[in-house]
PDB file of N, CA and C in Angstrom:
ATOM      1  N   MET A   1     154.062 102.245 117.146  1.00  0.00           N
ATOM      2  CA  MET A   1     153.156 102.299 118.555  1.00  0.00           C
ATOM      3  C   MET A   1     152.776 100.840 118.875  1.00  0.00           C
ATOM      4  N   VAL A   2     152.774 100.724 120.374  1.00  0.00           N
ATOM      5  CA  VAL A   2     152.495  99.024 120.742  1.00  0.00           C
ATOM      6  C   VAL A   2     150.874  99.356 121.602  1.00  0.00           C
ATOM      7  N   ARG A   3     150.423  98.888 121.228  1.00  0.00           N
ATOM      8  CA  ARG A   3     149.162  98.848 121.941  1.00  0.00           C
ATOM      9  C   ARG A   3     149.018  97.298 123.015  1.00  0.00           C
ATOM     10  N   THR A   4     148.739  97.487 124.010  1.00  0.00           N
ATOM     11  CA  THR A   4     148.395  96.561 125.051  1.00  0.00           C
ATOM     12  C   THR A   4     146.990  96.469 125.657  1.00  0.00           C
ATOM     13  N   ALA A   5     146.617  95.226 126.005  1.00  0.00           N
ATOM     14  CA  ALA A   5     145.226  95.221 126.677  1.00  0.00           C
ATOM     15  C   ALA A   5     144.990  95.955 127.946  1.00  0.00           C
ATOM     16  N   GLN A   6     146.188  96.040 128.632  1.00  0.00           N
ATOM     17  CA  GLN A   6     146.016  97.089 129.972  1.00  0.00           C
ATOM     18  C   GLN A   6     146.284  98.363 129.654  1.00  0.00           C
ATOM     19  N   GLY A   7     146.878  98.744 128.368  1.00  0.00           N
ATOM     20  CA  GLY A   7     147.007 100.069 128.052  1.00  0.00           C
ATOM     21  C   GLY A   7     145.348 100.457 127.802  1.00  0.00           C
ATOM     22  N   GLU A   8     144.766  99.629 126.690  1.00  0.00           N
ATOM     23  CA  GLU A   8     143.335 100.089 126.147  1.00  0.00           C
ATOM     24  C   GLU A   8     142.346  99.894 127.413  1.00  0.00           C
ATOM     25  N   GLU A   9     142.564  99.114 128.321  1.00  0.00           N
ATOM     26  CA  GLU A   9     141.440  99.285 129.339  1.00  0.00           C
ATOM     27  C   GLU A   9     141.960 100.488 130.127  1.00  0.00           C
ATOM     28  N   ARG A  10     143.121 100.890 130.297  1.00  0.00           N
ATOM     29  CA  ARG A  10     143.062 102.083 131.356  1.00  0.00           C
ATOM     30  C   ARG A  10     142.692 103.089 130.578  1.00  0.00           C
ATOM     31  N   ALA A  11     143.054 103.351 129.102  1.00  0.00           N
ATOM     32  CA  ALA A  11     142.435 104.579 128.249  1.00  0.00           C
ATOM     33  C   ALA A  11     140.725 104.582 128.226  1.00  0.00           C
ATOM     34  N   ARG A  12     140.017 103.115 128.326  1.00  0.00           N
ATOM     35  CA  ARG A  12     138.771 103.111 128.492  1.00  0.00           C
ATOM     36  C   ARG A  12     138.206 103.777 129.945  1.00  0.00           C
ATOM     37  N   THR A  13     138.928 103.384 130.771  1.00  0.00           N
ATOM     38  CA  THR A  13     138.597 103.761 132.278  1.00  0.00           C
ATOM     39  C   THR A  13     138.913 105.309 132.123  1.00  0.00           C
ATOM     40  N   THR A  14     139.590 105.972 131.741  1.00  0.00           N
ATOM     41  CA  THR A  14     139.852 107.491 131.811  1.00  0.00           C
ATOM     42  C   THR A  14     138.644 108.069 131.126  1.00  0.00           C
ATOM     43  N   LEU A  15     138.550 107.535 129.877  1.00  0.00           N
ATOM     44  CA  LEU A  15     137.538 108.066 128.935  1.00  0.00           C
ATOM     45  C   LEU A  15     136.267 108.160 129.824  1.00  0.00           C
ATOM     46  N   ALA A  16     135.879 106.973 130.067  1.00  0.00           N
ATOM     47  CA  ALA A  16     134.471 107.124 131.150  1.00  0.00           C
ATOM     48  C   ALA A  16     134.684 107.782 132.340  1.00  0.00           C
ATOM     49  N   ARG A  17     135.701 108.164 133.004  1.00  0.00           N
ATOM     50  CA  ARG A  17     135.534 108.821 134.170  1.00  0.00           C
ATOM     51  C   ARG A  17     135.519 110.510 133.520  1.00  0.00           C
ATOM     52  N   GLN A  18     135.895 110.658 132.526  1.00  0.00           N
ATOM     53  CA  GLN A  18     135.760 112.139 131.971  1.00  0.00           C
ATOM     54  C   GLN A  18     134.679 112.373 131.273  1.00  0.00           C
ATOM     55  N   VAL A  19     133.903 111.322 130.950  1.00  0.00           N
ATOM     56  CA  VAL A  19     132.366 111.425 130.368  1.00  0.00           C
ATOM     57  C   VAL A  19     131.746 111.650 131.378  1.00  0.00           C
ATOM     58  N   ASP A  20     131.638 110.817 132.567  1.00  0.00           N
ATOM     59  CA  ASP A  20     131.043 110.861 133.903  1.00  0.00           C
ATOM     60  C   ASP A  20     130.944 112.438 134.552  1.00  0.00           C
ATOM     61  N   THR A  21     132.303 112.868 134.563  1.00  0.00           N
ATOM     62  CA  THR A  21     132.664 114.130 134.911  1.00  0.00           C
ATOM     63  C   THR A  21     131.813 115.394 134.004  1.00  0.00           C
ATOM     64  N   ALA A  22     131.870 115.330 132.814  1.00  0.00           N
ATOM     65  CA  ALA A  22     131.310 116.296 131.876  1.00  0.00           C
ATOM     66  C   ALA A  22     129.726 116.013 131.917  1.00  0.00           C
ATOM     67  N   ARG A  23     129.009 114.930 132.407  1.00  0.00           N
ATOM     68  CA  ARG A  23     127.992 114.812 132.459  1.00  0.00           C
ATOM     69  C   ARG A  23     127.336 115.530 133.643  1.00  0.00           C
ATOM     70  N   THR A  24     128.310 115.238 134.549  1.00  0.00           N
ATOM     71  CA  THR A  24     127.871 115.595 136.050  1.00  0.00           C
ATOM     72  C   THR A  24     127.653 117.193 135.792  1.00  0.00           C
ATOM     73  N   GLN A  25     128.619 117.805 135.293  1.00  0.00           N
ATOM     74  CA  GLN A  25     129.043 119.225 135.322  1.00  0.00           C
ATOM     75  C   GLN A  25     127.799 119.891 134.292  1.00  0.00           C
ATOM     76  N   TRP A  26     127.562 119.249 133.360  1.00  0.00           N
ATOM     77  CA  TRP A  26     126.195 119.801 132.571  1.00  0.00           C
ATOM     78  C   TRP A  26     124.966 119.648 133.264  1.00  0.00           C
ATOM     79  N   LYS A  27     125.053 118.467 134.089  1.00  0.00           N
ATOM     80  CA  LYS A  27     123.363 118.442 134.630  1.00  0.00           C
ATOM     81  C   LYS A  27     123.439 119.589 135.785  1.00  0.00           C
ATOM     82  N   LYS A  28     124.522 119.837 136.261  1.00  0.00           N
ATOM     83  CA  LYS A  28     124.467 121.119 137.156  1.00  0.00           C
ATOM     84  C   LYS A  28     124.192 122.248 136.484  1.00  0.00           C
ATOM     85  N   THR A  29     125.021 122.719 135.333  1.00  0.00           N
ATOM     86  CA  THR A  29     124.615 123.796 134.573  1.00  0.00           C
ATOM     87  C   THR A  29     123.470 123.975 134.045  1.00  0.00           C
ATOM     88  N   LEU A  30     122.955 122.965 133.658  1.00  0.00           N
ATOM     89  CA  LEU A  30     121.445 122.917 132.975  1.00  0.00           C
ATOM     90  C   LEU A  30     120.515 123.274 134.035  1.00  0.00           C
ATOM     91  N   TRP A  31     120.544 122.709 135.160  1.00  0.00           N
ATOM     92  CA  TRP A  31     119.612 122.804 136.268  1.00  0.00           C
ATOM     93  C   TRP A  31     119.454 124.129 136.830  1.00  0.00           C
ATOM     94  N   HIS A  32     120.773 124.898 137.027  1.00  0.00           N
ATOM     95  CA  HIS A  32     120.800 126.176 137.510  1.00  0.00           C
ATOM     96  C   HIS A  32     119.980 126.804 135.964  1.00  0.00           C
ATOM     97  N   LEU A  33     120.089 126.702 135.069  1.00  0.00           N
ATOM     98  CA  LEU A  33     119.727 127.346 134.115  1.00  0.00           C
ATOM     99  C   LEU A  33     118.319 127.281 134.050  1.00  0.00           C
ATOM    100  N   GLY A  34     117.640 125.917 134.431  1.00  0.00           N
ATOM    101  CA  GLY A  34     116.046 125.751 134.115  1.00  0.00           C
ATOM    102  C   GLY A  34     115.689 126.383 135.464  1.00  0.00           C
ATOM    103  N   ASN A  35     116.139 127.009 136.444  1.00  0.00           N
ATOM    104  CA  ASN A  35     115.672 127.296 137.763  1.00  0.00           C
ATOM    105  C   ASN A  35     115.499 128.748 137.520  1.00  0.00           C
ATOM    106  N   GLN A  36     116.053 129.552 136.590  1.00  0.00           N
ATOM    107  CA  GLN A  36     116.416 130.733 136.238  1.00  0.00           C
ATOM    108  C   GLN A  36     115.047 131.311 135.725  1.00  0.00           C
ATOM    109  N   HIS A  37     114.372 132.354 135.972  1.00  0.00           N
ATOM    110  CA  HIS A  37     113.052 133.060 135.500  1.00  0.00           C
ATOM    111  C   HIS A  37     113.409 134.064 134.582  1.00  0.00           C
ATOM    112  N   PHE A  38     113.163 134.080 133.409  1.00  0.00           N
ATOM    113  CA  PHE A  38     113.077 134.870 132.474  1.00  0.00           C
ATOM    114  C   PHE A  38     112.012 135.818 131.805  1.00  0.00           C
ATOM    115  N   ALA A  39     112.030 136.745 131.848  1.00  0.00           N
ATOM    116  CA  ALA A  39     110.923 137.670 131.167  1.00  0.00           C
ATOM    117  C   ALA A  39     110.490 137.522 129.703  1.00  0.00           C
ATOM    118  N   TYR A  40     110.765 136.847 129.199  1.00  0.00           N
ATOM    119  CA  TYR A  40     110.365 136.185 127.539  1.00  0.00           C
ATOM    120  C   TYR A  40     110.952 135.140 127.319  1.00  0.00           C
ATOM    121  N   GLU A  41     110.338 134.436 126.346  1.00  0.00           N
ATOM    122  CA  GLU A  41     110.880 133.148 125.582  1.00  0.00           C
ATOM    123  C   GLU A  41     112.078 133.340 125.007  1.00  0.00           C
ATOM    124  N   PRO A  42     112.574 134.361 124.375  1.00  0.00           N
ATOM    125  CA  PRO A  42     113.590 134.700 123.309  1.00  0.00           C
ATOM    126  C   PRO A  42     114.735 134.712 124.421  1.00  0.00           C
ATOM    127  N   GLY A  43     114.704 135.466 125.511  1.00  0.00           N
ATOM    128  CA  GLY A  43     115.507 135.581 126.310  1.00  0.00           C
ATOM    129  C   GLY A  43     116.267 134.194 126.735  1.00  0.00           C
ATOM    130  N   ALA A  44     115.389 133.242 127.445  1.00  0.00           N
ATOM    131  CA  ALA A  44     115.783 132.013 127.894  1.00  0.00           C
ATOM    132  C   ALA A  44     116.195 131.072 126.488  1.00  0.00           C
ATOM    133  N   CYS A  45     115.975 131.418 125.352  1.00  0.00           N
ATOM    134  CA  CYS A  45     116.417 130.586 124.370  1.00  0.00           C
ATOM    135  C   CYS A  45     117.696 130.934 124.200  1.00  0.00           C
ATOM    136  N   ALA A  46     118.278 132.222 124.072  1.00  0.00           N
ATOM    137  CA  ALA A  46     119.183 132.941 123.824  1.00  0.00           C
ATOM    138  C   ALA A  46     120.291 132.611 124.945  1.00  0.00           C
ATOM    139  N   SER A  47     119.867 132.505 126.104  1.00  0.00           N
ATOM    140  CA  SER A  47     120.962 132.046 127.177  1.00  0.00           C
ATOM    141  C   SER A  47     121.016 130.413 127.243  1.00  0.00           C
ATOM    142  N   LEU A  48     120.016 129.841 126.763  1.00  0.00           N
ATOM    143  CA  LEU A  48     120.403 128.227 126.733  1.00  0.00           C
ATOM    144  C   LEU A  48     121.197 128.206 125.272  1.00  0.00           C
ATOM    145  N   ALA A  49     121.252 128.752 123.923  1.00  0.00           N
ATOM    146  CA  ALA A  49     122.253 128.865 123.124  1.00  0.00           C
ATOM    147  C   ALA A  49     123.549 129.082 123.445  1.00  0.00           C
ATOM    148  N   ALA A  50     123.682 130.062 124.361  1.00  0.00           N
ATOM    149  CA  ALA A  50     124.983 130.619 124.757  1.00  0.00           C
ATOM    150  C   ALA A  50     125.699 129.246 125.584  1.00  0.00           C
ATOM    151  N   HIS A  51     125.123 128.736 126.309  1.00  0.00           N
ATOM    152  CA  HIS A  51     125.627 127.490 126.989  1.00  0.00           C
ATOM    153  C   HIS A  51     125.924 126.668 126.389  1.00  0.00           C
ATOM    154  N   LEU A  52     125.198 126.265 125.317  1.00  0.00           N
ATOM    155  CA  LEU A  52     125.470 124.894 124.426  1.00  0.00           C
ATOM    156  C   LEU A  52     126.302 125.250 123.548  1.00  0.00           C
ATOM    157  N   LYS A  53     126.981 126.427 123.358  1.00  0.00           N
ATOM    158  CA  LYS A  53     128.227 126.683 122.417  1.00  0.00           C
ATOM    159  C   LYS A  53     129.406 126.059 122.830  1.00  0.00           C
ATOM    160  N   THR A  54     129.144 125.844 124.452  1.00  0.00           N
ATOM    161  CA  THR A  54     130.431 125.589 124.961  1.00  0.00           C
ATOM    162  C   THR A  54     130.389 123.747 125.315  1.00  0.00           C
ATOM    163  N   ARG A  55     129.708 123.075 124.722  1.00  0.00           N
ATOM    164  CA  ARG A  55     129.300 121.570 124.889  1.00  0.00           C
ATOM    165  C   ARG A  55     130.298 120.942 124.085  1.00  0.00           C
ATOM    166  N   THR A  56     130.273 119.489 124.531  1.00  0.00           N
ATOM    167  CA  THR A  56     131.312 118.751 123.629  1.00  0.00           C
ATOM    168  C   THR A  56     130.510 118.222 122.678  1.00  0.00           C
ATOM    169  N   ASP A  57     130.697 117.466 121.287  1.00  0.00           N
ATOM    170  CA  ASP A  57     129.852 117.358 120.315  1.00  0.00           C
ATOM    171  C   ASP A  57     129.245 115.997 120.512  1.00  0.00           C
ATOM    172  N   TRP A  58     129.785 115.331 121.552  1.00  0.00           N
ATOM    173  CA  TRP A  58     128.616 113.805 121.885  1.00  0.00           C
ATOM    174  C   TRP A  58     127.669 114.261 122.832  1.00  0.00           C
ATOM    175  N   LEU A  59     127.552 115.239 123.324  1.00  0.00           N
ATOM    176  CA  LEU A  59     126.744 115.429 124.383  1.00  0.00           C
ATOM    177  C   LEU A  59     125.479 115.975 123.822  1.00  0.00           C
ATOM    178  N   VAL A  60     124.210 115.216 123.999  1.00  0.00           N
ATOM    179  CA  VAL A  60     123.115 115.351 123.390  1.00  0.00           C
ATOM    180  C   VAL A  60     122.064 116.042 124.397  1.00  0.00           C
ATOM    181  N   VAL A  61     121.500 117.338 124.386  1.00  0.00           N
ATOM    182  CA  VAL A  61     120.794 118.186 124.997  1.00  0.00           C
ATOM    183  C   VAL A  61     119.171 118.167 124.545  1.00  0.00           C
ATOM    184  N   GLN A  62     118.544 117.492 124.983  1.00  0.00           N
ATOM    185  CA  GLN A  62     117.004 117.895 124.860  1.00  0.00           C
ATOM    186  C   GLN A  62     116.129 118.788 125.767  1.00  0.00           C
ATOM    187  N   THR A  63     115.637 119.856 125.162  1.00  0.00           N
ATOM    188  CA  THR A  63     115.074 121.198 126.100  1.00  0.00           C
ATOM    189  C   THR A  63     113.719 121.553 125.910  1.00  0.00           C
ATOM    190  N   ALA A  64     112.940 121.834 126.426  1.00  0.00           N
ATOM    191  CA  ALA A  64     111.652 122.297 126.348  1.00  0.00           C
ATOM    192  C   ALA A  64     111.652 123.884 127.171  1.00  0.00           C
ATOM    193  N   VAL A  65     110.742 124.329 126.503  1.00  0.00           N
ATOM    194  CA  VAL A  65     110.367 126.049 127.320  1.00  0.00           C
ATOM    195  C   VAL A  65     109.152 125.680 128.112  1.00  0.00           C
ATOM    196  N   HIS A  66     108.926 126.114 129.084  1.00  0.00           N
ATOM    197  CA  HIS A  66     107.701 126.120 130.048  1.00  0.00           C
ATOM    198  C   HIS A  66     107.568 127.585 130.200  1.00  0.00           C
ATOM    199  N   VAL A  67     106.220 127.615 129.931  1.00  0.00           N
ATOM    200  CA  VAL A  67     105.637 129.426 129.890  1.00  0.00           C
ATOM    201  C   VAL A  67     104.397 129.082 130.997  1.00  0.00           C
ATOM    202  N   PRO A  68     104.817 129.598 132.241  1.00  0.00           N
ATOM    203  CA  PRO A  68     103.440 129.360 133.199  1.00  0.00           C
ATOM    204  C   PRO A  68     102.426 130.394 132.787  1.00  0.00           C
ATOM    205  N   PRO A  69     101.129 129.683 132.990  1.00  0.00           N
ATOM    206  CA  PRO A  69      99.923 130.791 132.726  1.00  0.00           C
ATOM    207  C   PRO A  69      99.919 131.935 133.768  1.00  0.00           C
ATOM    208  N   LYS A  70      99.330 133.197 132.846  1.00  0.00           N
ATOM    209  CA  LYS A  70      99.301 134.470 133.759  1.00  0.00           C
ATOM    210  C   LYS A  70      97.795 134.645 134.119  1.00  0.00           C
ATOM    211  N   HIS A  71      97.808 134.779 135.186  1.00  0.00           N
ATOM    212  CA  HIS A  71      96.411 135.495 135.765  1.00  0.00           C
ATOM    213  C   HIS A  71      95.879 136.896 135.454  1.00  0.00           C
ATOM    214  N   ARG A  72      94.626 137.034 135.299  1.00  0.00           N
ATOM    215  CA  ARG A  72      94.602 138.198 135.133  1.00  0.00           C
ATOM    216  C   ARG A  72      94.360 139.257 136.141  1.00  0.00           C
ATOM    217  N   ARG A  73      93.929 138.443 137.384  1.00  0.00           N
ATOM    218  CA  ARG A  73      93.959 139.525 138.601  1.00  0.00           C
ATOM    219  C   ARG A  73      94.742 139.216 139.545  1.00  0.00           C
ATOM    220  N   PRO A  74      95.394 139.718 140.589  1.00  0.00           N
ATOM    221  CA  PRO A  74      96.397 139.486 141.813  1.00  0.00           C
ATOM    222  C   PRO A  74      95.408 138.580 142.424  1.00  0.00           C
ATOM    223  N   GLY A  75      96.326 137.316 143.257  1.00  0.00           N
ATOM    224  CA  GLY A  75      95.595 136.634 144.208  1.00  0.00           C
ATOM    225  C   GLY A  75      95.138 135.447 143.539  1.00  0.00           C
TER     226      GLY A  75
END
């Protein structure tokens, strides 16, 4: 196998483009997931776990579950 500087640079450029594409796709996926309303916390965690099964190994995702406060009376 022969390696050249031009070939390595082309491979780096291709890899960088693939990483940017994957990052953009995951940002959109996580945005949509974050804007869904779930009835309870385990349902939200299960949905997140199902989505994370398809992620690549190099992608690190940090999450937090936000539970809005409940009011005793309407209004």
